[in-house]
PDB file of all heavy atoms in Angstrom:
ATOM      1  N   SER A   1       6.867  14.158   2.019  1.00  0.00           N
ATOM      2  CA  SER A   1       7.904  13.634   1.129  1.00  0.00           C
ATOM      3  C   SER A   1       7.407  13.527  -0.303  1.00  0.00           C
ATOM      4  O   SER A   1       6.364  12.910  -0.571  1.00  0.00           O
ATOM      5  CB  SER A   1       8.364  12.254   1.597  1.00  0.00           C
ATOM      6  OG  SER A   1       9.204  11.643   0.629  1.00  0.00           O
ATOM      7  N   ASN A   2       8.189  14.100  -1.222  1.00  0.00           N
ATOM      8  CA  ASN A   2       7.933  13.933  -2.652  1.00  0.00           C
ATOM      9  C   ASN A   2       8.889  12.908  -3.262  1.00  0.00           C
ATOM     10  O   ASN A   2       8.941  12.756  -4.487  1.00  0.00           O
ATOM     11  CB  ASN A   2       8.097  15.280  -3.379  1.00  0.00           C
ATOM     12  CG  ASN A   2       6.999  16.257  -3.009  1.00  0.00           C
ATOM     13  OD1 ASN A   2       5.827  15.898  -2.953  1.00  0.00           O
ATOM     14  ND2 ASN A   2       7.391  17.503  -2.748  1.00  0.00           N
ATOM     15  N   GLY A   3       9.642  12.225  -2.403  1.00  0.00           N
ATOM     16  CA  GLY A   3      10.577  11.226  -2.887  1.00  0.00           C
ATOM     17  C   GLY A   3       9.889   9.920  -3.242  1.00  0.00           C
ATOM     18  O   GLY A   3       8.667   9.783  -3.142  1.00  0.00           O
ATOM     19  N   SER A   4      10.702   8.956  -3.664  1.00  0.00           N
ATOM     20  CA  SER A   4      10.178   7.625  -3.979  1.00  0.00           C
ATOM     21  C   SER A   4       9.697   6.956  -2.700  1.00  0.00           C
ATOM     22  O   SER A   4      10.453   6.832  -1.729  1.00  0.00           O
ATOM     23  CB  SER A   4      11.260   6.766  -4.641  1.00  0.00           C
ATOM     24  OG  SER A   4      10.785   5.455  -4.868  1.00  0.00           O
ATOM     25  N   LYS A   5       8.436   6.527  -2.707  1.00  0.00           N
ATOM     26  CA  LYS A   5       7.831   5.941  -1.507  1.00  0.00           C
ATOM     27  C   LYS A   5       7.272   4.559  -1.830  1.00  0.00           C
ATOM     28  O   LYS A   5       6.510   4.398  -2.789  1.00  0.00           O
ATOM     29  CB  LYS A   5       6.712   6.855  -0.970  1.00  0.00           C
ATOM     30  CG  LYS A   5       7.218   8.206  -0.508  1.00  0.00           C
ATOM     31  CD  LYS A   5       6.086   9.109  -0.047  1.00  0.00           C
ATOM     32  CE  LYS A   5       5.219   9.600  -1.183  1.00  0.00           C
ATOM     33  NZ  LYS A   5       5.922  10.467  -2.135  1.00  0.00           N
ATOM     34  N   TRP A   6       7.679   3.579  -1.045  1.00  0.00           N
ATOM     35  CA  TRP A   6       7.173   2.224  -1.179  1.00  0.00           C
ATOM     36  C   TRP A   6       6.173   1.967  -0.059  1.00  0.00           C
ATOM     37  O   TRP A   6       6.337   2.476   1.053  1.00  0.00           O
ATOM     38  CB  TRP A   6       8.306   1.212  -1.066  1.00  0.00           C
ATOM     39  CG  TRP A   6       9.367   1.294  -2.117  1.00  0.00           C
ATOM     40  CD1 TRP A   6       9.635   2.337  -2.967  1.00  0.00           C
ATOM     41  CD2 TRP A   6      10.326   0.283  -2.417  1.00  0.00           C
ATOM     42  NE1 TRP A   6      10.702   2.037  -3.770  1.00  0.00           N
ATOM     43  CE2 TRP A   6      11.153   0.778  -3.453  1.00  0.00           C
ATOM     44  CE3 TRP A   6      10.591  -0.989  -1.911  1.00  0.00           C
ATOM     45  CZ2 TRP A   6      12.206   0.042  -3.999  1.00  0.00           C
ATOM     46  CZ3 TRP A   6      11.630  -1.728  -2.438  1.00  0.00           C
ATOM     47  CH2 TRP A   6      12.430  -1.218  -3.476  1.00  0.00           C
ATOM     48  N   PHE A   7       5.168   1.165  -0.346  1.00  0.00           N
ATOM     49  CA  PHE A   7       4.232   0.749   0.700  1.00  0.00           C
ATOM     50  C   PHE A   7       4.380  -0.748   0.918  1.00  0.00           C
ATOM     51  O   PHE A   7       4.212  -1.543  -0.003  1.00  0.00           O
ATOM     52  CB  PHE A   7       2.792   1.087   0.341  1.00  0.00           C
ATOM     53  CG  PHE A   7       1.817   0.798   1.460  1.00  0.00           C
ATOM     54  CD1 PHE A   7       2.014   1.317   2.731  1.00  0.00           C
ATOM     55  CD2 PHE A   7       0.708  -0.007   1.251  1.00  0.00           C
ATOM     56  CE1 PHE A   7       1.124   1.053   3.764  1.00  0.00           C
ATOM     57  CE2 PHE A   7      -0.191  -0.275   2.270  1.00  0.00           C
ATOM     58  CZ  PHE A   7       0.026   0.249   3.533  1.00  0.00           C
ATOM     59  N   GLN A   8       4.732  -1.102   2.151  1.00  0.00           N
ATOM     60  CA  GLN A   8       4.891  -2.517   2.513  1.00  0.00           C
ATOM     61  C   GLN A   8       3.604  -3.021   3.137  1.00  0.00           C
ATOM     62  O   GLN A   8       3.043  -2.388   4.027  1.00  0.00           O
ATOM     63  CB  GLN A   8       6.053  -2.684   3.506  1.00  0.00           C
ATOM     64  CG  GLN A   8       6.227  -4.087   4.051  1.00  0.00           C
ATOM     65  CD  GLN A   8       5.432  -4.320   5.330  1.00  0.00           C
ATOM     66  OE1 GLN A   8       5.141  -3.386   6.083  1.00  0.00           O
ATOM     67  NE2 GLN A   8       5.056  -5.568   5.578  1.00  0.00           N
ATOM     68  N   VAL A   9       3.118  -4.166   2.637  1.00  0.00           N
ATOM     69  CA  VAL A   9       1.882  -4.731   3.171  1.00  0.00           C
ATOM     70  C   VAL A   9       2.115  -6.138   3.706  1.00  0.00           C
ATOM     71  O   VAL A   9       2.859  -6.931   3.123  1.00  0.00           O
ATOM     72  CB  VAL A   9       0.750  -4.770   2.115  1.00  0.00           C
ATOM     73  CG1 VAL A   9       0.273  -3.381   1.790  1.00  0.00           C
ATOM     74  CG2 VAL A   9       1.169  -5.503   0.856  1.00  0.00           C
ATOM     75  N   TYR A  10       1.465  -6.408   4.837  1.00  0.00           N
ATOM     76  CA  TYR A  10       1.256  -7.776   5.286  1.00  0.00           C
ATOM     77  C   TYR A  10      -0.098  -8.216   4.725  1.00  0.00           C
ATOM     78  O   TYR A  10      -0.963  -7.385   4.447  1.00  0.00           O
ATOM     79  CB  TYR A  10       1.215  -7.852   6.812  1.00  0.00           C
ATOM     80  CG  TYR A  10       2.533  -7.584   7.489  1.00  0.00           C
ATOM     81  CD1 TYR A  10       2.793  -6.362   8.110  1.00  0.00           C
ATOM     82  CD2 TYR A  10       3.518  -8.564   7.525  1.00  0.00           C
ATOM     83  CE1 TYR A  10       3.998  -6.117   8.746  1.00  0.00           C
ATOM     84  CE2 TYR A  10       4.735  -8.335   8.159  1.00  0.00           C
ATOM     85  CZ  TYR A  10       4.968  -7.111   8.767  1.00  0.00           C
ATOM     86  OH  TYR A  10       6.158  -6.877   9.397  1.00  0.00           O
ATOM     87  N   VAL A  11      -0.267  -9.511   4.589  1.00  0.00           N
ATOM     88  CA  VAL A  11      -1.527 -10.009   4.033  1.00  0.00           C
ATOM     89  C   VAL A  11      -2.499 -10.279   5.182  1.00  0.00           C
ATOM     90  O   VAL A  11      -2.339 -11.220   5.954  1.00  0.00           O
ATOM     91  CB  VAL A  11      -1.300 -11.272   3.185  1.00  0.00           C
ATOM     92  CG1 VAL A  11      -2.636 -11.755   2.607  1.00  0.00           C
ATOM     93  CG2 VAL A  11      -0.327 -10.960   2.053  1.00  0.00           C
ATOM     94  N   TRP A  12      -3.494  -9.411   5.287  1.00  0.00           N
ATOM     95  CA  TRP A  12      -4.480  -9.499   6.355  1.00  0.00           C
ATOM     96  C   TRP A  12      -5.569 -10.506   6.004  1.00  0.00           C
ATOM     97  O   TRP A  12      -5.867 -10.756   4.833  1.00  0.00           O
ATOM     98  CB  TRP A  12      -5.109  -8.120   6.583  1.00  0.00           C
ATOM     99  CG  TRP A  12      -4.142  -7.114   7.118  1.00  0.00           C
ATOM    100  CD1 TRP A  12      -3.052  -6.610   6.469  1.00  0.00           C
ATOM    101  CD2 TRP A  12      -4.156  -6.511   8.408  1.00  0.00           C
ATOM    102  NE1 TRP A  12      -2.389  -5.720   7.274  1.00  0.00           N
ATOM    103  CE2 TRP A  12      -3.046  -5.637   8.474  1.00  0.00           C
ATOM    104  CE3 TRP A  12      -5.008  -6.609   9.502  1.00  0.00           C
ATOM    105  CZ2 TRP A  12      -2.769  -4.876   9.587  1.00  0.00           C
ATOM    106  CZ3 TRP A  12      -4.729  -5.843  10.623  1.00  0.00           C
ATOM    107  CH2 TRP A  12      -3.620  -4.991  10.670  1.00  0.00           C
ATOM    108  N   ARG A  13      -6.196 -11.046   7.038  1.00  0.00           N
ATOM    109  CA  ARG A  13      -7.361 -11.902   6.809  1.00  0.00           C
ATOM    110  C   ARG A  13      -8.487 -11.095   6.161  1.00  0.00           C
ATOM    111  O   ARG A  13      -9.214 -11.596   5.317  1.00  0.00           O
ATOM    112  CB  ARG A  13      -7.849 -12.483   8.141  1.00  0.00           C
ATOM    113  CG  ARG A  13      -6.853 -13.421   8.818  1.00  0.00           C
ATOM    114  CD  ARG A  13      -7.390 -13.851  10.175  1.00  0.00           C
ATOM    115  NE  ARG A  13      -6.401 -14.556  10.972  1.00  0.00           N
ATOM    116  CZ  ARG A  13      -6.293 -15.891  11.041  1.00  0.00           C
ATOM    117  NH1 ARG A  13      -7.127 -16.645  10.336  1.00  0.00           N
ATOM    118  NH2 ARG A  13      -5.369 -16.453  11.796  1.00  0.00           N
ATOM    119  N   ASP A  14      -8.621  -9.848   6.587  1.00  0.00           N
ATOM    120  CA  ASP A  14      -9.655  -8.966   6.065  1.00  0.00           C
ATOM    121  C   ASP A  14      -9.191  -8.393   4.725  1.00  0.00           C
ATOM    122  O   ASP A  14      -8.462  -7.402   4.670  1.00  0.00           O
ATOM    123  CB  ASP A  14      -9.923  -7.839   7.070  1.00  0.00           C
ATOM    124  CG  ASP A  14     -11.055  -6.909   6.649  1.00  0.00           C
ATOM    125  OD1 ASP A  14     -11.421  -6.913   5.454  1.00  0.00           O
ATOM    126  OD2 ASP A  14     -11.569  -6.172   7.519  1.00  0.00           O
ATOM    127  N   LYS A  15      -9.607  -9.019   3.635  1.00  0.00           N
ATOM    128  CA  LYS A  15      -9.131  -8.594   2.318  1.00  0.00           C
ATOM    129  C   LYS A  15      -9.692  -7.231   1.924  1.00  0.00           C
ATOM    130  O   LYS A  15      -9.091  -6.510   1.120  1.00  0.00           O
ATOM    131  CB  LYS A  15      -9.486  -9.649   1.279  1.00  0.00           C
ATOM    132  CG  LYS A  15      -8.773 -10.993   1.490  1.00  0.00           C
ATOM    133  CD  LYS A  15      -7.260 -10.810   1.500  1.00  0.00           C
ATOM    134  CE  LYS A  15      -6.524 -12.141   1.561  1.00  0.00           C
ATOM    135  NZ  LYS A  15      -6.660 -12.807   2.870  1.00  0.00           N
ATOM    136  N   GLY A  16     -10.856  -6.872   2.458  1.00  0.00           N
ATOM    137  CA  GLY A  16     -11.385  -5.537   2.186  1.00  0.00           C
ATOM    138  C   GLY A  16     -10.479  -4.463   2.756  1.00  0.00           C
ATOM    139  O   GLY A  16     -10.213  -3.439   2.107  1.00  0.00           O
ATOM    140  N   LEU A  17      -9.997  -4.673   3.986  1.00  0.00           N
ATOM    141  CA  LEU A  17      -9.063  -3.740   4.612  1.00  0.00           C
ATOM    142  C   LEU A  17      -7.760  -3.681   3.825  1.00  0.00           C
ATOM    143  O   LEU A  17      -7.205  -2.596   3.582  1.00  0.00           O
ATOM    144  CB  LEU A  17      -8.795  -4.169   6.052  1.00  0.00           C
ATOM    145  CG  LEU A  17      -7.681  -3.427   6.802  1.00  0.00           C
ATOM    146  CD1 LEU A  17      -7.988  -1.943   6.895  1.00  0.00           C
ATOM    147  CD2 LEU A  17      -7.495  -4.033   8.197  1.00  0.00           C
ATOM    148  N   LEU A  18      -7.275  -4.835   3.402  1.00  0.00           N
ATOM    149  CA  LEU A  18      -6.025  -4.893   2.639  1.00  0.00           C
ATOM    150  C   LEU A  18      -6.163  -4.126   1.325  1.00  0.00           C
ATOM    151  O   LEU A  18      -5.289  -3.322   0.964  1.00  0.00           O
ATOM    152  CB  LEU A  18      -5.665  -6.354   2.376  1.00  0.00           C
ATOM    153  CG  LEU A  18      -4.411  -6.622   1.545  1.00  0.00           C
ATOM    154  CD1 LEU A  18      -3.182  -6.002   2.196  1.00  0.00           C
ATOM    155  CD2 LEU A  18      -4.219  -8.127   1.357  1.00  0.00           C
ATOM    156  N   LYS A  19      -7.255  -4.346   0.616  1.00  0.00           N
ATOM    157  CA  LYS A  19      -7.479  -3.642  -0.646  1.00  0.00           C
ATOM    158  C   LYS A  19      -7.556  -2.134  -0.416  1.00  0.00           C
ATOM    159  O   LYS A  19      -6.970  -1.348  -1.178  1.00  0.00           O
ATOM    160  CB  LYS A  19      -8.766  -4.142  -1.302  1.00  0.00           C
ATOM    161  CG  LYS A  19      -9.081  -3.460  -2.630  1.00  0.00           C
ATOM    162  CD  LYS A  19     -10.352  -4.028  -3.252  1.00  0.00           C
ATOM    163  CE  LYS A  19     -10.681  -3.336  -4.571  1.00  0.00           C
ATOM    164  NZ  LYS A  19     -11.918  -3.899  -5.192  1.00  0.00           N
ATOM    165  N   ASP A  20      -8.244  -1.730   0.637  1.00  0.00           N
ATOM    166  CA  ASP A  20      -8.374  -0.302   0.944  1.00  0.00           C
ATOM    167  C   ASP A  20      -7.012   0.324   1.190  1.00  0.00           C
ATOM    168  O   ASP A  20      -6.724   1.426   0.693  1.00  0.00           O
ATOM    169  CB  ASP A  20      -9.275  -0.121   2.169  1.00  0.00           C
ATOM    170  CG  ASP A  20      -9.392   1.342   2.584  1.00  0.00           C
ATOM    171  OD1 ASP A  20      -9.992   2.119   1.827  1.00  0.00           O
ATOM    172  OD2 ASP A  20      -8.858   1.702   3.666  1.00  0.00           O
ATOM    173  N   MET A  21      -6.138  -0.354   1.946  1.00  0.00           N
ATOM    174  CA  MET A  21      -4.812   0.202   2.215  1.00  0.00           C
ATOM    175  C   MET A  21      -4.001   0.336   0.943  1.00  0.00           C
ATOM    176  O   MET A  21      -3.308   1.347   0.727  1.00  0.00           O
ATOM    177  CB  MET A  21      -4.071  -0.675   3.235  1.00  0.00           C
ATOM    178  CG  MET A  21      -4.559  -0.522   4.651  1.00  0.00           C
ATOM    179  SD  MET A  21      -3.454  -1.306   5.850  1.00  0.00           S
ATOM    180  CE  MET A  21      -3.720  -3.046   5.493  1.00  0.00           C
ATOM    181  N   ILE A  22      -4.065  -0.675   0.074  1.00  0.00           N
ATOM    182  CA  ILE A  22      -3.301  -0.636  -1.172  1.00  0.00           C
ATOM    183  C   ILE A  22      -3.773   0.516  -2.055  1.00  0.00           C
ATOM    184  O   ILE A  22      -2.958   1.272  -2.608  1.00  0.00           O
ATOM    185  CB  ILE A  22      -3.421  -1.985  -1.907  1.00  0.00           C
ATOM    186  CG1 ILE A  22      -2.676  -3.075  -1.118  1.00  0.00           C
ATOM    187  CG2 ILE A  22      -2.866  -1.885  -3.317  1.00  0.00           C
ATOM    188  CD1 ILE A  22      -2.879  -4.478  -1.665  1.00  0.00           C
ATOM    189  N   LEU A  23      -5.079   0.687  -2.174  1.00  0.00           N
ATOM    190  CA  LEU A  23      -5.607   1.767  -3.012  1.00  0.00           C
ATOM    191  C   LEU A  23      -5.309   3.138  -2.416  1.00  0.00           C
ATOM    192  O   LEU A  23      -5.032   4.100  -3.151  1.00  0.00           O
ATOM    193  CB  LEU A  23      -7.109   1.580  -3.202  1.00  0.00           C
ATOM    194  CG  LEU A  23      -7.531   0.309  -3.965  1.00  0.00           C
ATOM    195  CD1 LEU A  23      -9.040   0.239  -4.092  1.00  0.00           C
ATOM    196  CD2 LEU A  23      -6.869   0.248  -5.343  1.00  0.00           C
ATOM    197  N   ARG A  24      -5.348   3.243  -1.085  1.00  0.00           N
ATOM    198  CA  ARG A  24      -4.982   4.515  -0.436  1.00  0.00           C
ATOM    199  C   ARG A  24      -3.536   4.865  -0.723  1.00  0.00           C
ATOM    200  O   ARG A  24      -3.195   6.029  -0.973  1.00  0.00           O
ATOM    201  CB  ARG A  24      -5.214   4.422   1.073  1.00  0.00           C
ATOM    202  CG  ARG A  24      -6.657   4.595   1.511  1.00  0.00           C
ATOM    203  CD  ARG A  24      -6.772   4.348   3.003  1.00  0.00           C
ATOM    204  NE  ARG A  24      -5.860   5.168   3.787  1.00  0.00           N
ATOM    205  CZ  ARG A  24      -5.477   4.855   5.037  1.00  0.00           C
ATOM    206  NH1 ARG A  24      -5.915   3.747   5.618  1.00  0.00           N
ATOM    207  NH2 ARG A  24      -4.672   5.663   5.688  1.00  0.00           N
ATOM    208  N   ALA A  25      -2.650   3.870  -0.665  1.00  0.00           N
ATOM    209  CA  ALA A  25      -1.243   4.130  -0.936  1.00  0.00           C
ATOM    210  C   ALA A  25      -1.050   4.614  -2.367  1.00  0.00           C
ATOM    211  O   ALA A  25      -0.276   5.545  -2.632  1.00  0.00           O
ATOM    212  CB  ALA A  25      -0.418   2.867  -0.683  1.00  0.00           C
ATOM    213  N   ALA A  26      -1.746   3.992  -3.311  1.00  0.00           N
ATOM    214  CA  ALA A  26      -1.650   4.429  -4.703  1.00  0.00           C
ATOM    215  C   ALA A  26      -2.147   5.862  -4.855  1.00  0.00           C
ATOM    216  O   ALA A  26      -1.508   6.689  -5.518  1.00  0.00           O
ATOM    217  CB  ALA A  26      -2.447   3.480  -5.597  1.00  0.00           C
ATOM    218  N   ASP A  27      -3.269   6.172  -4.226  1.00  0.00           N
ATOM    219  CA  ASP A  27      -3.824   7.524  -4.310  1.00  0.00           C
ATOM    220  C   ASP A  27      -2.898   8.557  -3.681  1.00  0.00           C
ATOM    221  O   ASP A  27      -2.893   9.730  -4.088  1.00  0.00           O
ATOM    222  CB  ASP A  27      -5.194   7.578  -3.615  1.00  0.00           C
ATOM    223  CG  ASP A  27      -6.280   6.851  -4.397  1.00  0.00           C
ATOM    224  OD1 ASP A  27      -6.064   6.586  -5.598  1.00  0.00           O
ATOM    225  OD2 ASP A  27      -7.325   6.530  -3.800  1.00  0.00           O
ATOM    226  N   ALA A  28      -2.120   8.133  -2.672  1.00  0.00           N
ATOM    227  CA  ALA A  28      -1.213   9.058  -1.989  1.00  0.00           C
ATOM    228  C   ALA A  28       0.110   9.233  -2.730  1.00  0.00           C
ATOM    229  O   ALA A  28       0.974   9.986  -2.270  1.00  0.00           O
ATOM    230  CB  ALA A  28      -0.949   8.559  -0.562  1.00  0.00           C
ATOM    231  N   GLY A  29       0.290   8.550  -3.852  1.00  0.00           N
ATOM    232  CA  GLY A  29       1.498   8.740  -4.652  1.00  0.00           C
ATOM    233  C   GLY A  29       2.618   7.776  -4.364  1.00  0.00           C
ATOM    234  O   GLY A  29       3.749   7.985  -4.822  1.00  0.00           O
ATOM    235  N   PHE A  30       2.346   6.706  -3.633  1.00  0.00           N
ATOM    236  CA  PHE A  30       3.370   5.682  -3.435  1.00  0.00           C
ATOM    237  C   PHE A  30       3.575   4.955  -4.763  1.00  0.00           C
ATOM    238  O   PHE A  30       2.614   4.699  -5.498  1.00  0.00           O
ATOM    239  CB  PHE A  30       2.946   4.711  -2.332  1.00  0.00           C
ATOM    240  CG  PHE A  30       3.126   5.268  -0.948  1.00  0.00           C
ATOM    241  CD1 PHE A  30       2.387   6.358  -0.514  1.00  0.00           C
ATOM    242  CD2 PHE A  30       4.058   4.708  -0.084  1.00  0.00           C
ATOM    243  CE1 PHE A  30       2.563   6.883   0.760  1.00  0.00           C
ATOM    244  CE2 PHE A  30       4.242   5.226   1.190  1.00  0.00           C
ATOM    245  CZ  PHE A  30       3.497   6.317   1.615  1.00  0.00           C
ATOM    246  N   ASP A  31       4.836   4.631  -5.073  1.00  0.00           N
ATOM    247  CA  ASP A  31       5.115   4.124  -6.419  1.00  0.00           C
ATOM    248  C   ASP A  31       5.500   2.656  -6.482  1.00  0.00           C
ATOM    249  O   ASP A  31       5.607   2.101  -7.577  1.00  0.00           O
ATOM    250  CB  ASP A  31       6.197   4.975  -7.107  1.00  0.00           C
ATOM    251  CG  ASP A  31       7.370   5.303  -6.210  1.00  0.00           C
ATOM    252  OD1 ASP A  31       7.651   4.532  -5.282  1.00  0.00           O
ATOM    253  OD2 ASP A  31       8.008   6.340  -6.450  1.00  0.00           O
ATOM    254  N   VAL A  32       5.747   2.011  -5.336  1.00  0.00           N
ATOM    255  CA  VAL A  32       6.143   0.599  -5.321  1.00  0.00           C
ATOM    256  C   VAL A  32       5.363  -0.115  -4.223  1.00  0.00           C
ATOM    257  O   VAL A  32       5.205   0.420  -3.124  1.00  0.00           O
ATOM    258  CB  VAL A  32       7.660   0.431  -5.079  1.00  0.00           C
ATOM    259  CG1 VAL A  32       8.046  -1.044  -4.964  1.00  0.00           C
ATOM    260  CG2 VAL A  32       8.462   1.108  -6.200  1.00  0.00           C
ATOM    261  N   LEU A  33       4.898  -1.330  -4.518  1.00  0.00           N
ATOM    262  CA  LEU A  33       4.231  -2.173  -3.525  1.00  0.00           C
ATOM    263  C   LEU A  33       5.188  -3.285  -3.131  1.00  0.00           C
ATOM    264  O   LEU A  33       5.722  -3.991  -3.997  1.00  0.00           O
ATOM    265  CB  LEU A  33       2.938  -2.764  -4.096  1.00  0.00           C
ATOM    266  CG  LEU A  33       2.055  -3.537  -3.103  1.00  0.00           C
ATOM    267  CD1 LEU A  33       1.461  -2.583  -2.058  1.00  0.00           C
ATOM    268  CD2 LEU A  33       0.943  -4.280  -3.842  1.00  0.00           C
ATOM    269  N   CYS A  34       5.392  -3.434  -1.832  1.00  0.00           N
ATOM    270  CA  CYS A  34       6.326  -4.436  -1.304  1.00  0.00           C
ATOM    271  C   CYS A  34       5.540  -5.360  -0.364  1.00  0.00           C
ATOM    272  O   CYS A  34       5.071  -4.926   0.682  1.00  0.00           O
ATOM    273  CB  CYS A  34       7.458  -3.737  -0.567  1.00  0.00           C
ATOM    274  SG  CYS A  34       8.752  -4.836   0.040  1.00  0.00           S
ATOM    275  N   ILE A  35       5.390  -6.622  -0.745  1.00  0.00           N
ATOM    276  CA  ILE A  35       4.551  -7.566  -0.014  1.00  0.00           C
ATOM    277  C   ILE A  35       5.430  -8.450   0.869  1.00  0.00           C
ATOM    278  O   ILE A  35       6.266  -9.208   0.370  1.00  0.00           O
ATOM    279  CB  ILE A  35       3.737  -8.443  -0.986  1.00  0.00           C
ATOM    280  CG1 ILE A  35       2.958  -7.581  -1.979  1.00  0.00           C
ATOM    281  CG2 ILE A  35       2.804  -9.368  -0.211  1.00  0.00           C
ATOM    282  CD1 ILE A  35       2.392  -8.361  -3.156  1.00  0.00           C
ATOM    283  N   THR A  36       5.247  -8.356   2.181  1.00  0.00           N
ATOM    284  CA  THR A  36       6.021  -9.184   3.103  1.00  0.00           C
ATOM    285  C   THR A  36       5.342 -10.535   3.267  1.00  0.00           C
ATOM    286  O   THR A  36       4.153 -10.612   3.593  1.00  0.00           O
ATOM    287  CB  THR A  36       6.171  -8.490   4.468  1.00  0.00           C
ATOM    288  OG1 THR A  36       6.989  -7.326   4.297  1.00  0.00           O
ATOM    289  CG2 THR A  36       6.837  -9.406   5.486  1.00  0.00           C
TER     290      THR A  36
END
């Protein structure tokens, strides 16, 4: 998909894992972060 892509995150206890997922989403071209 080259369309608009949002990445929804839950807040994990493991902040290193959470940071890694957020940065991966940015690198993959996701344009919006949605925090549940």
